[in-house]
Amino acid sequence: MTKTLSKEEIRAMDEEKIDEQILAIKKILFEFRMKQATKQSFKPHILKIYKRQLAQIMTIQHEKFQ
């Protein structure tokens, strides 16, 4: 799992690193959905954290590179 990043850390990244982070978080979210579908145990609060992190990264990406 990747660590959560602060907004300042995200803003300091270049476009390539931001894209890598987005892909990594989307992969983690996919794994959580697979665990949920196959009735495996997972911690739902972690899912919320990663969804929020993804939204923050995508918002900053939109602000910086639009």
N, C-alpha and C. Protein backbone atom coordinates (compact mmCIF):
# COMPACT_ATOMS: atom_id res chain seq x y z
N MET A 1 0.83 -1.18 0.00
CA MET A 1 0.00 0.00 0.00
C MET A 1 0.87 1.24 0.00
N THR A 2 0.42 2.24 -0.68
CA THR A 2 1.15 3.49 -0.72
C THR A 2 0.73 4.36 0.46
N LYS A 3 1.63 5.22 0.89
CA LYS A 3 1.28 6.11 1.99
C LYS A 3 0.44 7.27 1.46
N THR A 4 -0.36 7.84 2.31
CA THR A 4 -1.16 8.98 1.89
C THR A 4 -0.26 10.21 1.83
N LEU A 5 -0.54 11.05 0.88
CA LEU A 5 0.28 12.23 0.64
C LEU A 5 -0.46 13.49 1.04
N SER A 6 0.29 14.48 1.46
CA SER A 6 -0.32 15.77 1.77
C SER A 6 -0.53 16.54 0.46
N LYS A 7 -1.34 17.55 0.52
CA LYS A 7 -1.61 18.35 -0.67
C LYS A 7 -0.35 19.04 -1.17
N GLU A 8 0.51 19.46 -0.25
CA GLU A 8 1.76 20.12 -0.65
C GLU A 8 2.67 19.15 -1.40
N GLU A 9 2.72 17.90 -0.94
CA GLU A 9 3.55 16.88 -1.61
C GLU A 9 3.02 16.60 -3.02
N ILE A 10 1.71 16.56 -3.14
CA ILE A 10 1.11 16.32 -4.46
C ILE A 10 1.40 17.49 -5.39
N ARG A 11 1.27 18.70 -4.89
CA ARG A 11 1.52 19.88 -5.73
C ARG A 11 2.98 19.96 -6.19
N ALA A 12 3.89 19.40 -5.41
CA ALA A 12 5.31 19.44 -5.76
C ALA A 12 5.68 18.41 -6.83
N MET A 13 4.80 17.46 -7.09
CA MET A 13 5.09 16.40 -8.07
C MET A 13 4.96 16.92 -9.49
N ASP A 14 5.67 16.27 -10.39
CA ASP A 14 5.49 16.58 -11.80
C ASP A 14 4.36 15.70 -12.36
N GLU A 15 4.00 15.93 -13.61
CA GLU A 15 2.85 15.24 -14.21
C GLU A 15 3.03 13.73 -14.24
N GLU A 16 4.24 13.28 -14.50
CA GLU A 16 4.50 11.85 -14.59
C GLU A 16 4.31 11.15 -13.25
N LYS A 17 4.80 11.77 -12.18
CA LYS A 17 4.64 11.18 -10.85
C LYS A 17 3.18 11.16 -10.42
N ILE A 18 2.46 12.20 -10.78
CA ILE A 18 1.03 12.24 -10.45
C ILE A 18 0.30 11.11 -11.16
N ASP A 19 0.62 10.89 -12.43
CA ASP A 19 -0.01 9.80 -13.17
C ASP A 19 0.31 8.44 -12.54
N GLU A 20 1.55 8.26 -12.07
CA GLU A 20 1.94 7.01 -11.40
C GLU A 20 1.13 6.81 -10.13
N GLN A 21 0.95 7.88 -9.36
CA GLN A 21 0.18 7.79 -8.12
C GLN A 21 -1.28 7.44 -8.40
N ILE A 22 -1.85 8.05 -9.44
CA ILE A 22 -3.23 7.76 -9.80
C ILE A 22 -3.39 6.28 -10.16
N LEU A 23 -2.47 5.77 -10.97
CA LEU A 23 -2.52 4.36 -11.34
C LEU A 23 -2.38 3.44 -10.13
N ALA A 24 -1.46 3.78 -9.23
CA ALA A 24 -1.25 2.96 -8.04
C ALA A 24 -2.51 2.92 -7.17
N ILE A 25 -3.13 4.06 -6.97
CA ILE A 25 -4.33 4.10 -6.13
C ILE A 25 -5.49 3.39 -6.80
N LYS A 26 -5.63 3.54 -8.12
CA LYS A 26 -6.69 2.83 -8.83
C LYS A 26 -6.50 1.32 -8.73
N LYS A 27 -5.26 0.86 -8.76
CA LYS A 27 -4.98 -0.56 -8.62
C LYS A 27 -5.38 -1.04 -7.22
N ILE A 28 -5.05 -0.26 -6.20
CA ILE A 28 -5.42 -0.61 -4.83
C ILE A 28 -6.94 -0.66 -4.68
N LEU A 29 -7.64 0.33 -5.25
CA LEU A 29 -9.11 0.34 -5.17
C LEU A 29 -9.71 -0.87 -5.88
N PHE A 30 -9.11 -1.26 -7.01
CA PHE A 30 -9.58 -2.44 -7.72
C PHE A 30 -9.41 -3.69 -6.86
N GLU A 31 -8.27 -3.81 -6.19
CA GLU A 31 -8.03 -4.95 -5.31
C GLU A 31 -9.04 -4.98 -4.16
N PHE A 32 -9.39 -3.82 -3.62
CA PHE A 32 -10.41 -3.76 -2.57
C PHE A 32 -11.76 -4.22 -3.10
N ARG A 33 -12.11 -3.80 -4.33
CA ARG A 33 -13.39 -4.23 -4.90
C ARG A 33 -13.41 -5.74 -5.12
N MET A 34 -12.28 -6.30 -5.53
CA MET A 34 -12.21 -7.75 -5.72
C MET A 34 -12.37 -8.48 -4.38
N LYS A 35 -11.74 -7.97 -3.35
CA LYS A 35 -11.89 -8.57 -2.02
C LYS A 35 -13.34 -8.50 -1.56
N GLN A 36 -13.97 -7.38 -1.82
CA GLN A 36 -15.36 -7.20 -1.41
C GLN A 36 -16.26 -8.16 -2.17
N ALA A 37 -16.02 -8.34 -3.45
CA ALA A 37 -16.85 -9.21 -4.28
C ALA A 37 -16.69 -10.68 -3.91
N THR A 38 -15.50 -11.05 -3.47
CA THR A 38 -15.25 -12.45 -3.13
C THR A 38 -15.41 -12.71 -1.63
N LYS A 39 -15.99 -11.75 -0.94
CA LYS A 39 -16.30 -11.87 0.50
C LYS A 39 -15.06 -12.08 1.37
N GLN A 40 -13.92 -11.56 0.93
CA GLN A 40 -12.72 -11.61 1.75
C GLN A 40 -12.74 -10.44 2.72
N SER A 41 -11.98 -10.57 3.78
CA SER A 41 -11.99 -9.49 4.77
C SER A 41 -11.10 -8.33 4.31
N PHE A 42 -11.56 -7.13 4.56
CA PHE A 42 -10.81 -5.92 4.28
C PHE A 42 -11.34 -4.83 5.21
N LYS A 43 -10.59 -3.79 5.34
CA LYS A 43 -10.96 -2.71 6.25
C LYS A 43 -11.60 -1.58 5.44
N PRO A 44 -12.91 -1.38 5.59
CA PRO A 44 -13.61 -0.39 4.77
C PRO A 44 -13.12 1.05 4.96
N HIS A 45 -12.60 1.37 6.13
CA HIS A 45 -12.13 2.74 6.34
C HIS A 45 -10.90 3.04 5.46
N ILE A 46 -10.13 2.02 5.12
CA ILE A 46 -8.98 2.20 4.23
C ILE A 46 -9.48 2.57 2.83
N LEU A 47 -10.56 1.96 2.41
CA LEU A 47 -11.15 2.25 1.11
C LEU A 47 -11.51 3.73 1.02
N LYS A 48 -12.11 4.25 2.07
CA LYS A 48 -12.49 5.66 2.10
C LYS A 48 -11.27 6.57 2.00
N ILE A 49 -10.20 6.21 2.67
CA ILE A 49 -8.97 7.01 2.65
C ILE A 49 -8.41 7.09 1.23
N TYR A 50 -8.36 5.94 0.54
CA TYR A 50 -7.79 5.93 -0.80
C TYR A 50 -8.69 6.64 -1.82
N LYS A 51 -10.00 6.53 -1.66
CA LYS A 51 -10.91 7.27 -2.55
C LYS A 51 -10.70 8.77 -2.41
N ARG A 52 -10.55 9.21 -1.18
CA ARG A 52 -10.34 10.64 -0.91
C ARG A 52 -9.01 11.10 -1.49
N GLN A 53 -7.96 10.26 -1.31
CA GLN A 53 -6.63 10.60 -1.83
C GLN A 53 -6.67 10.70 -3.35
N LEU A 54 -7.37 9.77 -4.00
CA LEU A 54 -7.49 9.79 -5.46
C LEU A 54 -8.19 11.07 -5.92
N ALA A 55 -9.25 11.45 -5.23
CA ALA A 55 -9.97 12.67 -5.60
C ALA A 55 -9.08 13.90 -5.45
N GLN A 56 -8.30 13.95 -4.37
CA GLN A 56 -7.40 15.09 -4.17
C GLN A 56 -6.34 15.16 -5.27
N ILE A 57 -5.75 14.02 -5.60
CA ILE A 57 -4.71 14.01 -6.63
C ILE A 57 -5.28 14.42 -7.98
N MET A 58 -6.44 13.90 -8.32
CA MET A 58 -7.04 14.23 -9.61
C MET A 58 -7.45 15.69 -9.68
N THR A 59 -7.90 16.26 -8.57
CA THR A 59 -8.26 17.67 -8.53
C THR A 59 -7.03 18.54 -8.74
N ILE A 60 -5.96 18.23 -8.05
CA ILE A 60 -4.73 19.00 -8.20
C ILE A 60 -4.17 18.84 -9.61
N GLN A 61 -4.26 17.64 -10.16
CA GLN A 61 -3.80 17.41 -11.54
C GLN A 61 -4.59 18.30 -12.50
N HIS A 62 -5.89 18.37 -12.30
CA HIS A 62 -6.73 19.19 -13.15
C HIS A 62 -6.37 20.67 -13.02
N GLU A 63 -6.10 21.12 -11.79
CA GLU A 63 -5.73 22.52 -11.59
C GLU A 63 -4.39 22.86 -12.24
N LYS A 64 -3.42 21.96 -12.09
CA LYS A 64 -2.06 22.25 -12.57
C LYS A 64 -1.91 22.14 -14.08
N PHE A 65 -2.53 21.14 -14.67
CA PHE A 65 -2.24 20.82 -16.06
C PHE A 65 -3.39 21.11 -17.02
N GLN A 66 -4.31 21.91 -16.60
CA GLN A 66 -5.44 22.25 -17.47
C GLN A 66 -5.19 23.55 -18.16
